[in-house]
Amino acid sequence: MSRSIITTGALLFAIAASGCSFHARDAESYRKITREVLETRNGDIKSCYDKALEKDPKAEGKVVVKLTVEKDTGVIKDVKLDKKASKGDKELHQCVTDALTGLKIDPPDAREGQATFTWKFEAKKHG
């Protein structure tokens, strides 16, 4: 069965005064690098959806996660499911949030980032 996985994202960052030599990206650059780092886990996220499809060939859902990019280290932390905005299989939700553990942006930024990313999972309709 073919499938579709769509991601979207938003990133806010807190401006902090810093004398460090870390990058100070603009919002679009910060959003882009964070998305690129998250996309390194696309294979894992696809596997999460494949498992959901094994249980239910018509499985669909939406996983919305909120996370923090730690200033000065670039570590992506506090990856949490937005339970109100997420829909579908709870095992899929947990699998996606687990897949995002241990990531970091490099080089890090002088500012902390707060991000929300959404993955939509849709079984392709035939006919």
C-alpha atoms as a PDB file:
ATOM      1  CA  MET A   1       0.000   0.000   0.000  1.00  0.00           C
ATOM      2  CA  SER A   2       1.376   3.403  -0.803  1.00  0.00           C
ATOM      3  CA  ARG A   3       1.420   6.072   1.846  1.00  0.00           C
ATOM      4  CA  SER A   4       1.960   9.732   2.341  1.00  0.00           C
ATOM      5  CA  ILE A   5       3.869  11.445   5.133  1.00  0.00           C
ATOM      6  CA  ILE A   6       3.704  15.239   5.310  1.00  0.00           C
ATOM      7  CA  THR A   7       5.666  17.403   7.748  1.00  0.00           C
ATOM      8  CA  THR A   8       5.286  21.019   8.670  1.00  0.00           C
ATOM      9  CA  GLY A   9       7.053  23.084  11.276  1.00  0.00           C
ATOM     10  CA  ALA A  10       7.232  26.338  13.117  1.00  0.00           C
ATOM     11  CA  LEU A  11      10.016  27.706  15.248  1.00  0.00           C
ATOM     12  CA  LEU A  12      10.200  30.561  17.680  1.00  0.00           C
ATOM     13  CA  PHE A  13      13.369  31.578  19.385  1.00  0.00           C
ATOM     14  CA  ALA A  14      14.151  33.612  22.432  1.00  0.00           C
ATOM     15  CA  ILE A  15      16.630  36.406  21.810  1.00  0.00           C
ATOM     16  CA  ALA A  16      19.341  36.402  24.420  1.00  0.00           C
ATOM     17  CA  ALA A  17      22.310  38.665  24.880  1.00  0.00           C
ATOM     18  CA  SER A  18      25.416  36.590  24.483  1.00  0.00           C
ATOM     19  CA  GLY A  19      29.090  37.303  24.208  1.00  0.00           C
ATOM     20  CA  CYS A  20      29.751  33.788  22.906  1.00  0.00           C
ATOM     21  CA  SER A  21      30.920  33.034  19.400  1.00  0.00           C
ATOM     22  CA  PHE A  22      27.929  30.821  18.585  1.00  0.00           C
ATOM     23  CA  HIS A  23      25.737  31.425  15.559  1.00  0.00           C
ATOM     24  CA  ALA A  24      22.830  33.808  15.873  1.00  0.00           C
ATOM     25  CA  ARG A  25      20.538  32.650  13.072  1.00  0.00           C
ATOM     26  CA  ASP A  26      17.502  34.524  11.862  1.00  0.00           C
ATOM     27  CA  ALA A  27      14.142  32.775  12.353  1.00  0.00           C
ATOM     28  CA  GLU A  28      14.056  31.258   8.846  1.00  0.00           C
ATOM     29  CA  SER A  29      17.609  29.892   9.082  1.00  0.00           C
ATOM     30  CA  TYR A  30      16.882  28.458  12.536  1.00  0.00           C
ATOM     31  CA  ARG A  31      13.698  26.815  11.239  1.00  0.00           C
ATOM     32  CA  LYS A  32      15.568  25.381   8.233  1.00  0.00           C
ATOM     33  CA  ILE A  33      18.448  23.859  10.210  1.00  0.00           C
ATOM     34  CA  THR A  34      16.069  22.410  12.811  1.00  0.00           C
ATOM     35  CA  ARG A  35      13.916  20.848  10.080  1.00  0.00           C
ATOM     36  CA  GLU A  36      17.030  19.406   8.392  1.00  0.00           C
ATOM     37  CA  VAL A  37      18.142  17.794  11.657  1.00  0.00           C
ATOM     38  CA  LEU A  38      14.665  16.340  12.288  1.00  0.00           C
ATOM     39  CA  GLU A  39      14.587  15.015   8.720  1.00  0.00           C
ATOM     40  CA  THR A  40      17.626  12.847   9.492  1.00  0.00           C
ATOM     41  CA  ARG A  41      15.105  10.674  11.347  1.00  0.00           C
ATOM     42  CA  ASN A  42      12.673  10.372   8.421  1.00  0.00           C
ATOM     43  CA  GLY A  43      13.574   6.692   7.985  1.00  0.00           C
ATOM     44  CA  ASP A  44      12.728   6.003  11.621  1.00  0.00           C
ATOM     45  CA  ILE A  45       9.478   7.954  11.347  1.00  0.00           C
ATOM     46  CA  LYS A  46       8.555   6.056   8.179  1.00  0.00           C
ATOM     47  CA  SER A  47       9.155   2.815  10.083  1.00  0.00           C
ATOM     48  CA  CYS A  48       6.796   4.061  12.802  1.00  0.00           C
ATOM     49  CA  TYR A  49       4.064   4.552  10.209  1.00  0.00           C
ATOM     50  CA  ASP A  50       4.823   1.222   8.527  1.00  0.00           C
ATOM     51  CA  LYS A  51       4.202  -0.494  11.892  1.00  0.00           C
ATOM     52  CA  ALA A  52       0.882   1.331  12.231  1.00  0.00           C
ATOM     53  CA  LEU A  53      -0.069   0.214   8.703  1.00  0.00           C
ATOM     54  CA  GLU A  54       0.702  -3.402   9.590  1.00  0.00           C
ATOM     55  CA  LYS A  55      -1.910  -3.207  12.341  1.00  0.00           C
ATOM     56  CA  ASP A  56      -4.373  -1.229  10.222  1.00  0.00           C
ATOM     57  CA  PRO A  57      -3.829  -0.853   6.440  1.00  0.00           C
ATOM     58  CA  LYS A  58      -5.982   2.303   6.498  1.00  0.00           C
ATOM     59  CA  ALA A  59      -4.112   3.893   9.409  1.00  0.00           C
ATOM     60  CA  GLU A  60      -3.951   7.667   9.336  1.00  0.00           C
ATOM     61  CA  GLY A  61      -2.998  10.193  11.924  1.00  0.00           C
ATOM     62  CA  LYS A  62      -1.314  13.391  12.906  1.00  0.00           C
ATOM     63  CA  VAL A  63       1.582  13.735  15.307  1.00  0.00           C
ATOM     64  CA  VAL A  64       2.313  17.195  16.680  1.00  0.00           C
ATOM     65  CA  VAL A  65       5.423  17.595  18.813  1.00  0.00           C
ATOM     66  CA  LYS A  66       6.773  20.563  20.688  1.00  0.00           C
ATOM     67  CA  LEU A  67      10.469  20.741  21.440  1.00  0.00           C
ATOM     68  CA  THR A  68      13.229  23.001  22.636  1.00  0.00           C
ATOM     69  CA  VAL A  69      16.590  23.593  20.966  1.00  0.00           C
ATOM     70  CA  GLU A  70      18.991  24.355  23.789  1.00  0.00           C
ATOM     71  CA  LYS A  71      21.086  27.472  23.310  1.00  0.00           C
ATOM     72  CA  ASP A  72      24.855  27.083  23.128  1.00  0.00           C
ATOM     73  CA  THR A  73      24.687  23.245  22.787  1.00  0.00           C
ATOM     74  CA  GLY A  74      22.110  22.780  20.004  1.00  0.00           C
ATOM     75  CA  VAL A  75      20.652  19.770  21.840  1.00  0.00           C
ATOM     76  CA  ILE A  76      17.015  19.099  20.973  1.00  0.00           C
ATOM     77  CA  LYS A  77      15.300  18.411  24.273  1.00  0.00           C
ATOM     78  CA  ASP A  78      11.887  18.305  25.905  1.00  0.00           C
ATOM     79  CA  VAL A  79      10.339  16.564  22.885  1.00  0.00           C
ATOM     80  CA  LYS A  80       6.696  16.322  23.925  1.00  0.00           C
ATOM     81  CA  LEU A  81       3.557  15.218  22.161  1.00  0.00           C
ATOM     82  CA  ASP A  82       0.832  17.854  21.833  1.00  0.00           C
ATOM     83  CA  LYS A  83      -1.964  15.492  22.889  1.00  0.00           C
ATOM     84  CA  LYS A  84      -4.785  17.866  21.954  1.00  0.00           C
ATOM     85  CA  ALA A  85      -3.524  18.451  18.415  1.00  0.00           C
ATOM     86  CA  SER A  86      -2.374  14.877  17.694  1.00  0.00           C
ATOM     87  CA  LYS A  87      -4.785  12.314  16.277  1.00  0.00           C
ATOM     88  CA  GLY A  88      -4.680   8.603  15.594  1.00  0.00           C
ATOM     89  CA  ASP A  89      -2.688   5.697  16.956  1.00  0.00           C
ATOM     90  CA  LYS A  90      -1.024   6.332  20.315  1.00  0.00           C
ATOM     91  CA  GLU A  91       1.791   3.898  19.514  1.00  0.00           C
ATOM     92  CA  LEU A  92       2.546   5.933  16.370  1.00  0.00           C
ATOM     93  CA  HIS A  93       2.640   9.100  18.486  1.00  0.00           C
ATOM     94  CA  GLN A  94       5.102   7.547  20.945  1.00  0.00           C
ATOM     95  CA  CYS A  95       7.257   6.060  18.200  1.00  0.00           C
ATOM     96  CA  VAL A  96       7.647   9.450  16.462  1.00  0.00           C
ATOM     97  CA  THR A  97       8.533  11.300  19.662  1.00  0.00           C
ATOM     98  CA  ASP A  98      11.038   8.552  20.566  1.00  0.00           C
ATOM     99  CA  ALA A  99      12.615   8.829  17.097  1.00  0.00           C
ATOM    100  CA  LEU A 100      13.478  12.481  17.746  1.00  0.00           C
ATOM    101  CA  THR A 101      15.468  11.778  20.908  1.00  0.00           C
ATOM    102  CA  GLY A 102      19.183  12.518  20.888  1.00  0.00           C
ATOM    103  CA  LEU A 103      19.331  15.056  18.069  1.00  0.00           C
ATOM    104  CA  LYS A 104      21.229  18.350  18.014  1.00  0.00           C
ATOM    105  CA  ILE A 105      21.865  21.180  15.610  1.00  0.00           C
ATOM    106  CA  ASP A 106      25.463  21.899  14.739  1.00  0.00           C
ATOM    107  CA  PRO A 107      26.817  24.459  15.017  1.00  0.00           C
ATOM    108  CA  PRO A 108      24.606  25.464  17.950  1.00  0.00           C
ATOM    109  CA  ASP A 109      22.860  28.800  18.174  1.00  0.00           C
ATOM    110  CA  ALA A 110      23.309  31.534  20.773  1.00  0.00           C
ATOM    111  CA  ARG A 111      19.531  31.531  21.287  1.00  0.00           C
ATOM    112  CA  GLU A 112      17.141  28.936  22.603  1.00  0.00           C
ATOM    113  CA  GLY A 113      14.529  27.788  20.116  1.00  0.00           C
ATOM    114  CA  GLN A 114      10.974  26.606  20.750  1.00  0.00           C
ATOM    115  CA  ALA A 115       9.509  24.597  17.896  1.00  0.00           C
ATOM    116  CA  THR A 116       6.345  22.779  16.920  1.00  0.00           C
ATOM    117  CA  PHE A 117       6.473  20.204  14.136  1.00  0.00           C
ATOM    118  CA  THR A 118       3.603  18.238  12.648  1.00  0.00           C
ATOM    119  CA  TRP A 119       3.637  14.944  10.776  1.00  0.00           C
ATOM    120  CA  LYS A 120       0.484  13.920   8.913  1.00  0.00           C
ATOM    121  CA  PHE A 121       0.154  10.277   7.959  1.00  0.00           C
ATOM    122  CA  GLU A 122      -2.335   9.325   5.247  1.00  0.00           C
ATOM    123  CA  ALA A 123      -2.949   6.027   3.532  1.00  0.00           C
ATOM    124  CA  LYS A 124      -3.162   6.609  -0.223  1.00  0.00           C
ATOM    125  CA  LYS A 125      -6.606   6.048  -1.623  1.00  0.00           C
ATOM    126  CA  HIS A 126      -6.866   3.764  -4.647  1.00  0.00           C
ATOM    127  CA  GLY A 127      -9.668   3.845  -7.159  1.00  0.00           C
END
